[in-house]
Structure formats: structure tokens, C-alpha cells
Amino acid sequence: MITASLILNIVVLIPVCYFLLTNNFRMTKTMGEFTPARGILLSMYITILLASILLLLFLDVKLASALFFMQIVYKLLSPFSVKTFKNPVVISNILIAIFHLVTIYTIIKADALHFDI
């Protein structure tokens, strides 16, 4: 499941980042005109993309879990910050968060997350 979640991130974020970088009309329609906030979001997306690629190459359960947890939180908060559940980005965020929640569940169920205290 970890690999599937990382691949999901990569498959989704490559076109999203490309379309944001090129100011594609679909992104403008969905996310509005370019603003500093959209630029900051792009930098977060690129960071998640690079982290996912690195974790796919050098798997670390703790780091992957932290990445998924961060994504789950911000994705589930997005309908409240955007103030709608109807935005296509919000809908995809919720679906991806559910997928990552299942991944976190399988990690915990397999007792694969150990912390040295």
C-alpha cells in the first residue's frame, strides 16, 4: 500500500504541477488566476512530488507515514478552507486522503511503524 500511495502522489502531481507551471486554462478555471497563494501551493505540490519519488526509491516507513499524515490532514481540511465540497480539487483531495488513510491503517495493522524511544 505504501508503494501504491507514493505512485498515486506521483501520477496525480506530475500533471498538476505541469499545468500549474504552464498556467493551463483548466487550472485557471479550477484554481483561479495565478496568485502568491497558488504559487505557494505549487511549491508544496512539488515538495510532495519529490518526496514521493525519493521515498519510492529509498523506502522509509516512518518518512512515508509522516508524508501521508500531512497530506491527509491538509486534504481533509481543504473543503473547510475553500468553503465548498463541490470544487474538483477538494473532491480529489478527499479521495486521495481516503486512499492514504487506508495506507496508514495497513501500516499500523502490520505493526510496521516503530519508534525508537
C-alpha atoms as a PDB file:
ATOM      1  CA  MET A   1       0.000   0.000   0.000  1.00  0.00           C
ATOM      2  CA  ILE A   2       2.882   2.405   0.676  1.00  0.00           C
ATOM      3  CA  THR A   3       4.109   1.992  -2.889  1.00  0.00           C
ATOM      4  CA  ALA A   4       0.574   2.481  -4.223  1.00  0.00           C
ATOM      5  CA  SER A   5       0.153   5.721  -2.241  1.00  0.00           C
ATOM      6  CA  LEU A   6       3.516   7.025  -3.440  1.00  0.00           C
ATOM      7  CA  ILE A   7       2.684   6.167  -7.050  1.00  0.00           C
ATOM      8  CA  LEU A   8      -0.716   7.841  -6.648  1.00  0.00           C
ATOM      9  CA  ASN A   9       1.039  11.016  -5.485  1.00  0.00           C
ATOM     10  CA  ILE A  10       3.403  10.925  -8.450  1.00  0.00           C
ATOM     11  CA  VAL A  11       0.741  10.149 -11.056  1.00  0.00           C
ATOM     12  CA  VAL A  12      -1.501  12.947  -9.782  1.00  0.00           C
ATOM     13  CA  LEU A  13       1.159  15.558  -9.093  1.00  0.00           C
ATOM     14  CA  ILE A  14       3.157  15.410 -12.333  1.00  0.00           C
ATOM     15  CA  PRO A  15       0.291  16.752 -14.469  1.00  0.00           C
ATOM     16  CA  VAL A  16      -0.995  19.054 -11.720  1.00  0.00           C
ATOM     17  CA  CYS A  17       2.424  20.677 -11.279  1.00  0.00           C
ATOM     18  CA  TYR A  18       2.915  20.914 -15.043  1.00  0.00           C
ATOM     19  CA  PHE A  19      -0.489  22.531 -15.547  1.00  0.00           C
ATOM     20  CA  LEU A  20       0.115  24.955 -12.677  1.00  0.00           C
ATOM     21  CA  LEU A  21       3.552  25.867 -14.032  1.00  0.00           C
ATOM     22  CA  THR A  22       2.193  26.449 -17.545  1.00  0.00           C
ATOM     23  CA  ASN A  23      -0.918  28.263 -16.248  1.00  0.00           C
ATOM     24  CA  ASN A  24      -3.112  25.794 -18.132  1.00  0.00           C
ATOM     25  CA  PHE A  25      -6.670  27.059 -18.688  1.00  0.00           C
ATOM     26  CA  ARG A  26      -8.106  24.083 -16.757  1.00  0.00           C
ATOM     27  CA  MET A  27      -6.066  25.010 -13.693  1.00  0.00           C
ATOM     28  CA  THR A  28      -7.096  28.634 -14.034  1.00  0.00           C
ATOM     29  CA  LYS A  29     -10.739  27.553 -14.218  1.00  0.00           C
ATOM     30  CA  THR A  30     -10.391  25.244 -11.192  1.00  0.00           C
ATOM     31  CA  MET A  31      -7.904  27.167  -9.037  1.00  0.00           C
ATOM     32  CA  GLY A  32      -8.268  30.726 -10.291  1.00  0.00           C
ATOM     33  CA  GLU A  33      -5.691  33.056 -11.763  1.00  0.00           C
ATOM     34  CA  PHE A  34      -2.103  32.891 -10.551  1.00  0.00           C
ATOM     35  CA  THR A  35      -1.684  34.396  -7.084  1.00  0.00           C
ATOM     36  CA  PRO A  36       1.074  34.155  -4.491  1.00  0.00           C
ATOM     37  CA  ALA A  37      -1.111  31.616  -2.655  1.00  0.00           C
ATOM     38  CA  ARG A  38      -1.308  29.430  -5.764  1.00  0.00           C
ATOM     39  CA  GLY A  39       2.470  29.715  -6.129  1.00  0.00           C
ATOM     40  CA  ILE A  40       2.919  28.553  -2.540  1.00  0.00           C
ATOM     41  CA  LEU A  41       0.565  25.642  -3.213  1.00  0.00           C
ATOM     42  CA  LEU A  42       2.652  24.729  -6.268  1.00  0.00           C
ATOM     43  CA  SER A  43       5.807  24.687  -4.137  1.00  0.00           C
ATOM     44  CA  MET A  44       4.069  22.349  -1.660  1.00  0.00           C
ATOM     45  CA  TYR A  45       2.944  20.082  -4.517  1.00  0.00           C
ATOM     46  CA  ILE A  46       6.474  19.958  -5.952  1.00  0.00           C
ATOM     47  CA  THR A  47       7.826  19.107  -2.491  1.00  0.00           C
ATOM     48  CA  ILE A  48       5.317  16.261  -2.082  1.00  0.00           C
ATOM     49  CA  LEU A  49       6.145  15.035  -5.599  1.00  0.00           C
ATOM     50  CA  LEU A  50       9.894  14.994  -4.939  1.00  0.00           C
ATOM     51  CA  ALA A  51       9.426  13.354  -1.531  1.00  0.00           C
ATOM     52  CA  SER A  52       7.229  10.674  -3.112  1.00  0.00           C
ATOM     53  CA  ILE A  53       9.819   9.960  -5.811  1.00  0.00           C
ATOM     54  CA  LEU A  54      12.614   9.723  -3.242  1.00  0.00           C
ATOM     55  CA  LEU A  55      10.545   7.500  -0.957  1.00  0.00           C
ATOM     56  CA  LEU A  56       9.717   5.240  -3.878  1.00  0.00           C
ATOM     57  CA  LEU A  57      13.461   4.837  -4.468  1.00  0.00           C
ATOM     58  CA  PHE A  58      14.521   4.711  -0.807  1.00  0.00           C
ATOM     59  CA  LEU A  59      11.526   3.438   1.139  1.00  0.00           C
ATOM     60  CA  ASP A  60      11.305   4.541   4.750  1.00  0.00           C
ATOM     61  CA  VAL A  61       8.058   3.661   6.537  1.00  0.00           C
ATOM     62  CA  LYS A  62       8.347   6.481   9.077  1.00  0.00           C
ATOM     63  CA  LEU A  63       9.005   9.161   6.475  1.00  0.00           C
ATOM     64  CA  ALA A  64       6.269   7.843   4.189  1.00  0.00           C
ATOM     65  CA  SER A  65       3.825   7.760   7.106  1.00  0.00           C
ATOM     66  CA  ALA A  66       4.674  11.348   8.000  1.00  0.00           C
ATOM     67  CA  LEU A  67       4.150  12.431   4.391  1.00  0.00           C
ATOM     68  CA  PHE A  68       0.780  10.653   4.170  1.00  0.00           C
ATOM     69  CA  PHE A  69      -0.340  12.003   7.551  1.00  0.00           C
ATOM     70  CA  MET A  70       0.470  15.572   6.485  1.00  0.00           C
ATOM     71  CA  GLN A  71      -1.413  15.048   3.225  1.00  0.00           C
ATOM     72  CA  ILE A  72      -4.418  13.530   4.995  1.00  0.00           C
ATOM     73  CA  VAL A  73      -4.707  16.495   7.338  1.00  0.00           C
ATOM     74  CA  TYR A  74      -4.408  19.246   4.724  1.00  0.00           C
ATOM     75  CA  LYS A  75      -6.581  17.401   2.204  1.00  0.00           C
ATOM     76  CA  LEU A  76      -9.373  16.819   4.714  1.00  0.00           C
ATOM     77  CA  LEU A  77      -9.169  20.463   5.812  1.00  0.00           C
ATOM     78  CA  SER A  78      -9.452  21.734   2.221  1.00  0.00           C
ATOM     79  CA  PRO A  79     -13.278  21.729   1.972  1.00  0.00           C
ATOM     80  CA  PHE A  80     -13.423  23.891   5.087  1.00  0.00           C
ATOM     81  CA  SER A  81     -10.761  26.338   3.905  1.00  0.00           C
ATOM     82  CA  VAL A  82     -12.283  26.525   0.408  1.00  0.00           C
ATOM     83  CA  LYS A  83     -15.788  26.560   1.902  1.00  0.00           C
ATOM     84  CA  THR A  84     -17.208  24.017  -0.548  1.00  0.00           C
ATOM     85  CA  PHE A  85     -17.264  20.313  -1.178  1.00  0.00           C
ATOM     86  CA  LYS A  86     -18.068  20.844  -4.883  1.00  0.00           C
ATOM     87  CA  ASN A  87     -14.668  22.045  -6.118  1.00  0.00           C
ATOM     88  CA  PRO A  88     -12.908  19.338  -8.204  1.00  0.00           C
ATOM     89  CA  VAL A  89      -9.665  19.826  -6.273  1.00  0.00           C
ATOM     90  CA  VAL A  90     -11.492  19.374  -2.962  1.00  0.00           C
ATOM     91  CA  ILE A  91     -13.178  16.212  -4.246  1.00  0.00           C
ATOM     92  CA  SER A  92      -9.876  14.725  -5.426  1.00  0.00           C
ATOM     93  CA  ASN A  93      -8.235  15.771  -2.140  1.00  0.00           C
ATOM     94  CA  ILE A  94     -10.846  13.845  -0.162  1.00  0.00           C
ATOM     95  CA  LEU A  95     -10.485  10.745  -2.347  1.00  0.00           C
ATOM     96  CA  ILE A  96      -6.682  10.797  -2.091  1.00  0.00           C
ATOM     97  CA  ALA A  97      -6.885  11.358   1.684  1.00  0.00           C
ATOM     98  CA  ILE A  98      -9.096   8.266   1.995  1.00  0.00           C
ATOM     99  CA  PHE A  99      -6.581   6.250  -0.037  1.00  0.00           C
ATOM    100  CA  HIS A 100      -3.717   7.439   2.203  1.00  0.00           C
ATOM    101  CA  LEU A 101      -5.803   6.693   5.312  1.00  0.00           C
ATOM    102  CA  VAL A 102      -6.137   3.105   4.140  1.00  0.00           C
ATOM    103  CA  THR A 103      -2.363   3.016   3.627  1.00  0.00           C
ATOM    104  CA  ILE A 104      -1.731   4.341   7.156  1.00  0.00           C
ATOM    105  CA  TYR A 105      -4.206   1.794   8.503  1.00  0.00           C
ATOM    106  CA  THR A 106      -2.366  -1.070   6.776  1.00  0.00           C
ATOM    107  CA  ILE A 107       0.967   0.210   8.103  1.00  0.00           C
ATOM    108  CA  ILE A 108      -0.374   0.292  11.661  1.00  0.00           C
ATOM    109  CA  LYS A 109      -2.159  -3.058  11.305  1.00  0.00           C
ATOM    110  CA  ALA A 110       1.059  -4.673  10.024  1.00  0.00           C
ATOM    111  CA  ASP A 111       2.872  -3.169  13.018  1.00  0.00           C
ATOM    112  CA  ALA A 112       5.389  -1.687  10.565  1.00  0.00           C
ATOM    113  CA  LEU A 113       5.682   1.683  12.293  1.00  0.00           C
ATOM    114  CA  HIS A 114       8.231   1.510  15.111  1.00  0.00           C
ATOM    115  CA  PHE A 115       9.668   4.414  17.031  1.00  0.00           C
ATOM    116  CA  ASP A 116      12.908   4.187  18.982  1.00  0.00           C
ATOM    117  CA  ILE A 117      12.251   5.951  22.267  1.00  0.00           C
END
